[in-house]
Amino acid sequence: MKNFKKCFFFIQADIVLISTSEPNGLCFIETAELDGETNLKVRQALEETCDLEDHIDRLSSFDGRNMKIKISF
């Protein structure tokens, strides 16, 4: 694993999916109000956070400031 510099930047997004109650962090999102499309879009939570699932105690103590994740654009 490479050494990463500490980097803080904003990601423009309508939603940031941290975790879901479904296996593998999957969810289906309806975007008709945003883009007019009526089909559901499949999205997946980050591998680093999907194990939080729907455990309210773990989600409420989640602090992403020290996470090391790979973001691809």
PDB file of N, CA and C in Angstrom:
ATOM      1  N   MET A   1       0.836  -1.178   0.000  1.00  0.00           N
ATOM      2  CA  MET A   1       0.000   0.000   0.000  1.00  0.00           C
ATOM      3  C   MET A   1       0.880   1.240   0.000  1.00  0.00           C
ATOM      4  N   LYS A   2       0.537   2.199  -0.814  1.00  0.00           N
ATOM      5  CA  LYS A   2       1.303   3.441  -0.891  1.00  0.00           C
ATOM      6  C   LYS A   2       1.020   4.320   0.314  1.00  0.00           C
ATOM      7  N   ASN A   3       1.955   5.191   0.624  1.00  0.00           N
ATOM      8  CA  ASN A   3       1.715   6.191   1.649  1.00  0.00           C
ATOM      9  C   ASN A   3       0.924   7.340   1.031  1.00  0.00           C
ATOM     10  N   PHE A   4      -0.128   7.738   1.701  1.00  0.00           N
ATOM     11  CA  PHE A   4      -0.976   8.809   1.197  1.00  0.00           C
ATOM     12  C   PHE A   4      -0.758  10.070   2.020  1.00  0.00           C
ATOM     13  N   LYS A   5      -0.724  11.190   1.339  1.00  0.00           N
ATOM     14  CA  LYS A   5      -0.675  12.467   2.036  1.00  0.00           C
ATOM     15  C   LYS A   5      -2.071  12.759   2.555  1.00  0.00           C
ATOM     16  N   LYS A   6      -2.153  13.494   3.660  1.00  0.00           N
ATOM     17  CA  LYS A   6      -3.446  13.900   4.163  1.00  0.00           C
ATOM     18  C   LYS A   6      -4.022  14.916   3.193  1.00  0.00           C
ATOM     19  N   CYS A   7      -5.206  14.665   2.739  1.00  0.00           N
ATOM     20  CA  CYS A   7      -5.807  15.513   1.726  1.00  0.00           C
ATOM     21  C   CYS A   7      -7.279  15.726   2.072  1.00  0.00           C
ATOM     22  N   PHE A   8      -7.691  16.957   2.120  1.00  0.00           N
ATOM     23  CA  PHE A   8      -9.081  17.279   2.396  1.00  0.00           C
ATOM     24  C   PHE A   8      -9.647  18.021   1.202  1.00  0.00           C
ATOM     25  N   PHE A   9     -10.728  17.516   0.655  1.00  0.00           N
ATOM     26  CA  PHE A   9     -11.377  18.187  -0.444  1.00  0.00           C
ATOM     27  C   PHE A   9     -12.852  17.838  -0.434  1.00  0.00           C
ATOM     28  N   PHE A  10     -13.635  18.653  -1.106  1.00  0.00           N
ATOM     29  CA  PHE A  10     -15.071  18.452  -1.171  1.00  0.00           C
ATOM     30  C   PHE A  10     -15.427  17.652  -2.413  1.00  0.00           C
ATOM     31  N   ILE A  11     -16.374  16.757  -2.253  1.00  0.00           N
ATOM     32  CA  ILE A  11     -16.896  15.991  -3.378  1.00  0.00           C
ATOM     33  C   ILE A  11     -18.334  16.434  -3.573  1.00  0.00           C
ATOM     34  N   GLN A  12     -18.635  16.962  -4.745  1.00  0.00           N
ATOM     35  CA  GLN A  12     -19.993  17.388  -5.022  1.00  0.00           C
ATOM     36  C   GLN A  12     -20.841  16.152  -5.281  1.00  0.00           C
ATOM     37  N   ALA A  13     -21.882  15.970  -4.477  1.00  0.00           N
ATOM     38  CA  ALA A  13     -22.718  14.780  -4.615  1.00  0.00           C
ATOM     39  C   ALA A  13     -24.117  15.076  -4.091  1.00  0.00           C
ATOM     40  N   ASP A  14     -25.104  14.406  -4.666  1.00  0.00           N
ATOM     41  CA  ASP A  14     -26.469  14.503  -4.168  1.00  0.00           C
ATOM     42  C   ASP A  14     -26.666  13.628  -2.941  1.00  0.00           C
ATOM     43  N   ILE A  15     -25.894  12.548  -2.888  1.00  0.00           N
ATOM     44  CA  ILE A  15     -25.992  11.612  -1.774  1.00  0.00           C
ATOM     45  C   ILE A  15     -24.647  10.905  -1.602  1.00  0.00           C
ATOM     46  N   VAL A  16     -24.310  10.623  -0.363  1.00  0.00           N
ATOM     47  CA  VAL A  16     -23.123   9.814  -0.071  1.00  0.00           C
ATOM     48  C   VAL A  16     -23.632   8.578   0.653  1.00  0.00           C
ATOM     49  N   LEU A  17     -23.473   7.434   0.026  1.00  0.00           N
ATOM     50  CA  LEU A  17     -23.972   6.179   0.579  1.00  0.00           C
ATOM     51  C   LEU A  17     -22.901   5.565   1.474  1.00  0.00           C
ATOM     52  N   ILE A  18     -23.175   5.538   2.767  1.00  0.00           N
ATOM     53  CA  ILE A  18     -22.210   5.005   3.726  1.00  0.00           C
ATOM     54  C   ILE A  18     -22.442   3.518   3.958  1.00  0.00           C
ATOM     55  N   SER A  19     -23.691   3.145   4.151  1.00  0.00           N
ATOM     56  CA  SER A  19     -23.995   1.759   4.458  1.00  0.00           C
ATOM     57  C   SER A  19     -25.471   1.489   4.208  1.00  0.00           C
ATOM     58  N   THR A  20     -25.823   0.212   4.032  1.00  0.00           N
ATOM     59  CA  THR A  20     -27.222  -0.194   3.900  1.00  0.00           C
ATOM     60  C   THR A  20     -27.431  -1.472   4.702  1.00  0.00           C
ATOM     61  N   SER A  21     -28.676  -1.872   4.846  1.00  0.00           N
ATOM     62  CA  SER A  21     -28.972  -3.125   5.540  1.00  0.00           C
ATOM     63  C   SER A  21     -28.885  -4.317   4.601  1.00  0.00           C
ATOM     64  N   GLU A  22     -28.670  -4.082   3.332  1.00  0.00           N
ATOM     65  CA  GLU A  22     -28.581  -5.148   2.344  1.00  0.00           C
ATOM     66  C   GLU A  22     -27.163  -5.723   2.275  1.00  0.00           C
ATOM     67  N   PRO A  23     -27.049  -6.980   1.851  1.00  0.00           N
ATOM     68  CA  PRO A  23     -25.715  -7.579   1.696  1.00  0.00           C
ATOM     69  C   PRO A  23     -24.866  -6.779   0.699  1.00  0.00           C
ATOM     70  N   ASN A  24     -23.600  -6.676   0.960  1.00  0.00           N
ATOM     71  CA  ASN A  24     -22.634  -5.970   0.102  1.00  0.00           C
ATOM     72  C   ASN A  24     -22.902  -4.476  -0.018  1.00  0.00           C
ATOM     73  N   GLY A  25     -23.730  -3.905   0.851  1.00  0.00           N
ATOM     74  CA  GLY A  25     -23.973  -2.464   0.823  1.00  0.00           C
ATOM     75  C   GLY A  25     -24.743  -1.977  -0.390  1.00  0.00           C
ATOM     76  N   LEU A  26     -25.544  -2.831  -1.009  1.00  0.00           N
ATOM     77  CA  LEU A  26     -26.293  -2.444  -2.201  1.00  0.00           C
ATOM     78  C   LEU A  26     -27.564  -1.691  -1.847  1.00  0.00           C
ATOM     79  N   CYS A  27     -27.974  -0.794  -2.746  1.00  0.00           N
ATOM     80  CA  CYS A  27     -29.267  -0.130  -2.615  1.00  0.00           C
ATOM     81  C   CYS A  27     -29.758   0.251  -4.002  1.00  0.00           C
ATOM     82  N   PHE A  28     -31.037   0.558  -4.095  1.00  0.00           N
ATOM     83  CA  PHE A  28     -31.659   0.984  -5.342  1.00  0.00           C
ATOM     84  C   PHE A  28     -32.180   2.398  -5.135  1.00  0.00           C
ATOM     85  N   ILE A  29     -31.804   3.307  -6.026  1.00  0.00           N
ATOM     86  CA  ILE A  29     -32.150   4.724  -5.883  1.00  0.00           C
ATOM     87  C   ILE A  29     -33.021   5.158  -7.050  1.00  0.00           C
ATOM     88  N   GLU A  30     -34.126   5.827  -6.714  1.00  0.00           N
ATOM     89  CA  GLU A  30     -34.992   6.396  -7.739  1.00  0.00           C
ATOM     90  C   GLU A  30     -34.556   7.836  -7.971  1.00  0.00           C
ATOM     91  N   THR A  31     -34.254   8.179  -9.221  1.00  0.00           N
ATOM     92  CA  THR A  31     -33.736   9.514  -9.541  1.00  0.00           C
ATOM     93  C   THR A  31     -34.678  10.311 -10.438  1.00  0.00           C
ATOM     94  N   ALA A  32     -35.943   9.935 -10.494  1.00  0.00           N
ATOM     95  CA  ALA A  32     -36.893  10.586 -11.399  1.00  0.00           C
ATOM     96  C   ALA A  32     -36.957  12.101 -11.170  1.00  0.00           C
ATOM     97  N   GLU A  33     -36.858  12.544  -9.938  1.00  0.00           N
ATOM     98  CA  GLU A  33     -36.913  13.981  -9.648  1.00  0.00           C
ATOM     99  C   GLU A  33     -35.660  14.711 -10.109  1.00  0.00           C
ATOM    100  N   LEU A  34     -34.556  13.992 -10.254  1.00  0.00           N
ATOM    101  CA  LEU A  34     -33.294  14.613 -10.677  1.00  0.00           C
ATOM    102  C   LEU A  34     -33.099  14.592 -12.185  1.00  0.00           C
ATOM    103  N   ASP A  35     -33.351  13.434 -12.805  1.00  0.00           N
ATOM    104  CA  ASP A  35     -33.044  13.306 -14.228  1.00  0.00           C
ATOM    105  C   ASP A  35     -34.218  12.833 -15.080  1.00  0.00           C
ATOM    106  N   GLY A  36     -35.381  12.632 -14.482  1.00  0.00           N
ATOM    107  CA  GLY A  36     -36.557  12.226 -15.240  1.00  0.00           C
ATOM    108  C   GLY A  36     -36.628  10.746 -15.564  1.00  0.00           C
ATOM    109  N   GLU A  37     -35.586   9.998 -15.287  1.00  0.00           N
ATOM    110  CA  GLU A  37     -35.591   8.560 -15.558  1.00  0.00           C
ATOM    111  C   GLU A  37     -36.384   7.834 -14.478  1.00  0.00           C
ATOM    112  N   THR A  38     -37.206   6.885 -14.902  1.00  0.00           N
ATOM    113  CA  THR A  38     -38.067   6.196 -13.938  1.00  0.00           C
ATOM    114  C   THR A  38     -37.493   4.870 -13.453  1.00  0.00           C
ATOM    115  N   ASN A  39     -36.420   4.400 -14.064  1.00  0.00           N
ATOM    116  CA  ASN A  39     -35.836   3.133 -13.611  1.00  0.00           C
ATOM    117  C   ASN A  39     -34.986   3.347 -12.359  1.00  0.00           C
ATOM    118  N   LEU A  40     -34.891   2.310 -11.554  1.00  0.00           N
ATOM    119  CA  LEU A  40     -34.078   2.376 -10.343  1.00  0.00           C
ATOM    120  C   LEU A  40     -32.613   2.155 -10.700  1.00  0.00           C
ATOM    121  N   LYS A  41     -31.742   2.872 -10.021  1.00  0.00           N
ATOM    122  CA  LYS A  41     -30.307   2.729 -10.252  1.00  0.00           C
ATOM    123  C   LYS A  41     -29.689   1.998  -9.054  1.00  0.00           C
ATOM    124  N   VAL A  42     -28.834   1.037  -9.341  1.00  0.00           N
ATOM    125  CA  VAL A  42     -28.159   0.276  -8.286  1.00  0.00           C
ATOM    126  C   VAL A  42     -26.907   1.041  -7.874  1.00  0.00           C
ATOM    127  N   ARG A  43     -26.740   1.216  -6.590  1.00  0.00           N
ATOM    128  CA  ARG A  43     -25.541   1.855  -6.054  1.00  0.00           C
ATOM    129  C   ARG A  43     -25.014   0.996  -4.906  1.00  0.00           C
ATOM    130  N   GLN A  44     -23.733   1.151  -4.609  1.00  0.00           N
ATOM    131  CA  GLN A  44     -23.109   0.347  -3.564  1.00  0.00           C
ATOM    132  C   GLN A  44     -22.311   1.252  -2.633  1.00  0.00           C
ATOM    133  N   ALA A  45     -22.406   0.955  -1.340  1.00  0.00           N
ATOM    134  CA  ALA A  45     -21.634   1.691  -0.337  1.00  0.00           C
ATOM    135  C   ALA A  45     -20.158   1.359  -0.494  1.00  0.00           C
ATOM    136  N   LEU A  46     -19.321   2.207   0.037  1.00  0.00           N
ATOM    137  CA  LEU A  46     -17.891   1.948   0.013  1.00  0.00           C
ATOM    138  C   LEU A  46     -17.559   0.655   0.742  1.00  0.00           C
ATOM    139  N   GLU A  47     -16.575  -0.054   0.243  1.00  0.00           N
ATOM    140  CA  GLU A  47     -16.137  -1.300   0.880  1.00  0.00           C
ATOM    141  C   GLU A  47     -15.714  -1.038   2.328  1.00  0.00           C
ATOM    142  N   GLU A  48     -15.121   0.137   2.558  1.00  0.00           N
ATOM    143  CA  GLU A  48     -14.611   0.482   3.891  1.00  0.00           C
ATOM    144  C   GLU A  48     -15.727   0.736   4.901  1.00  0.00           C
ATOM    145  N   THR A  49     -16.952   1.031   4.435  1.00  0.00           N
ATOM    146  CA  THR A  49     -18.033   1.374   5.359  1.00  0.00           C
ATOM    147  C   THR A  49     -19.240   0.449   5.275  1.00  0.00           C
ATOM    148  N   CYS A  50     -19.298  -0.421   4.291  1.00  0.00           N
ATOM    149  CA  CYS A  50     -20.512  -1.222   4.117  1.00  0.00           C
ATOM    150  C   CYS A  50     -20.742  -2.203   5.264  1.00  0.00           C
ATOM    151  N   ASP A  51     -19.713  -2.557   6.029  1.00  0.00           N
ATOM    152  CA  ASP A  51     -19.913  -3.477   7.154  1.00  0.00           C
ATOM    153  C   ASP A  51     -20.601  -2.810   8.349  1.00  0.00           C
ATOM    154  N   LEU A  52     -20.834  -1.501   8.294  1.00  0.00           N
ATOM    155  CA  LEU A  52     -21.585  -0.833   9.357  1.00  0.00           C
ATOM    156  C   LEU A  52     -23.050  -1.254   9.334  1.00  0.00           C
ATOM    157  N   GLU A  53     -23.523  -1.674   8.147  1.00  0.00           N
ATOM    158  CA  GLU A  53     -24.888  -2.112   7.911  1.00  0.00           C
ATOM    159  C   GLU A  53     -25.884  -1.136   8.538  1.00  0.00           C
ATOM    160  N   ASP A  54     -26.889  -1.652   9.247  1.00  0.00           N
ATOM    161  CA  ASP A  54     -27.882  -0.767   9.853  1.00  0.00           C
ATOM    162  C   ASP A  54     -27.786  -0.755  11.380  1.00  0.00           C
ATOM    163  N   HIS A  55     -26.573  -0.987  11.882  1.00  0.00           N
ATOM    164  CA  HIS A  55     -26.337  -0.954  13.335  1.00  0.00           C
ATOM    165  C   HIS A  55     -26.237   0.512  13.779  1.00  0.00           C
ATOM    166  N   ILE A  56     -27.270   1.000  14.424  1.00  0.00           N
ATOM    167  CA  ILE A  56     -27.358   2.420  14.777  1.00  0.00           C
ATOM    168  C   ILE A  56     -26.216   2.861  15.687  1.00  0.00           C
ATOM    169  N   ASP A  57     -25.758   2.002  16.583  1.00  0.00           N
ATOM    170  CA  ASP A  57     -24.665   2.388  17.487  1.00  0.00           C
ATOM    171  C   ASP A  57     -23.360   2.582  16.719  1.00  0.00           C
ATOM    172  N   ARG A  58     -23.102   1.715  15.740  1.00  0.00           N
ATOM    173  CA  ARG A  58     -21.883   1.837  14.937  1.00  0.00           C
ATOM    174  C   ARG A  58     -21.978   3.022  13.977  1.00  0.00           C
ATOM    175  N   LEU A  59     -23.151   3.245  13.416  1.00  0.00           N
ATOM    176  CA  LEU A  59     -23.333   4.377  12.505  1.00  0.00           C
ATOM    177  C   LEU A  59     -23.216   5.709  13.237  1.00  0.00           C
ATOM    178  N   SER A  60     -23.764   5.778  14.447  1.00  0.00           N
ATOM    179  CA  SER A  60     -23.732   7.041  15.184  1.00  0.00           C
ATOM    180  C   SER A  60     -22.325   7.405  15.654  1.00  0.00           C
ATOM    181  N   SER A  61     -21.454   6.413  15.787  1.00  0.00           N
ATOM    182  CA  SER A  61     -20.083   6.714  16.199  1.00  0.00           C
ATOM    183  C   SER A  61     -19.121   6.763  15.011  1.00  0.00           C
ATOM    184  N   PHE A  62     -19.644   6.649  13.800  1.00  0.00           N
ATOM    185  CA  PHE A  62     -18.808   6.673  12.598  1.00  0.00           C
ATOM    186  C   PHE A  62     -18.135   8.035  12.432  1.00  0.00           C
ATOM    187  N   ASP A  63     -16.840   8.030  12.194  1.00  0.00           N
ATOM    188  CA  ASP A  63     -16.075   9.248  11.958  1.00  0.00           C
ATOM    189  C   ASP A  63     -15.176   8.991  10.753  1.00  0.00           C
ATOM    190  N   GLY A  64     -15.538   9.549   9.624  1.00  0.00           N
ATOM    191  CA  GLY A  64     -14.812   9.283   8.391  1.00  0.00           C
ATOM    192  C   GLY A  64     -13.576  10.127   8.180  1.00  0.00           C
ATOM    193  N   ARG A  65     -13.250  10.984   9.128  1.00  0.00           N
ATOM    194  CA  ARG A  65     -12.109  11.885   8.931  1.00  0.00           C
ATOM    195  C   ARG A  65     -10.776  11.162   8.838  1.00  0.00           C
ATOM    196  N   ASN A  66     -10.662   9.986   9.414  1.00  0.00           N
ATOM    197  CA  ASN A  66      -9.387   9.275   9.403  1.00  0.00           C
ATOM    198  C   ASN A  66      -9.374   8.082   8.462  1.00  0.00           C
ATOM    199  N   MET A  67     -10.373   8.037   7.583  1.00  0.00           N
ATOM    200  CA  MET A  67     -10.441   6.915   6.647  1.00  0.00           C
ATOM    201  C   MET A  67      -9.454   7.083   5.516  1.00  0.00           C
ATOM    202  N   LYS A  68      -8.913   5.988   5.073  1.00  0.00           N
ATOM    203  CA  LYS A  68      -8.054   5.988   3.892  1.00  0.00           C
ATOM    204  C   LYS A  68      -8.794   5.217   2.828  1.00  0.00           C
ATOM    205  N   ILE A  69      -9.326   5.928   1.851  1.00  0.00           N
ATOM    206  CA  ILE A  69     -10.070   5.287   0.774  1.00  0.00           C
ATOM    207  C   ILE A  69      -9.516   5.696  -0.571  1.00  0.00           C
ATOM    208  N   LYS A  70      -9.742   4.858  -1.536  1.00  0.00           N
ATOM    209  CA  LYS A  70      -9.309   5.151  -2.894  1.00  0.00           C
ATOM    210  C   LYS A  70     -10.539   5.673  -3.649  1.00  0.00           C
ATOM    211  N   ILE A  71     -10.403   6.854  -4.193  1.00  0.00           N
ATOM    212  CA  ILE A  71     -11.491   7.461  -4.959  1.00  0.00           C
ATOM    213  C   ILE A  71     -11.073   7.519  -6.413  1.00  0.00           C
ATOM    214  N   SER A  72     -11.893   6.970  -7.269  1.00  0.00           N
ATOM    215  CA  SER A  72     -11.599   7.041  -8.696  1.00  0.00           C
ATOM    216  C   SER A  72     -12.610   7.974  -9.350  1.00  0.00           C
ATOM    217  N   PHE A  73     -12.109   8.814 -10.232  1.00  0.00           N
ATOM    218  CA  PHE A  73     -12.965   9.791 -10.907  1.00  0.00           C
ATOM    219  C   PHE A  73     -13.210   9.380 -12.326  1.00  0.00           C
TER     220      PHE A  73
END
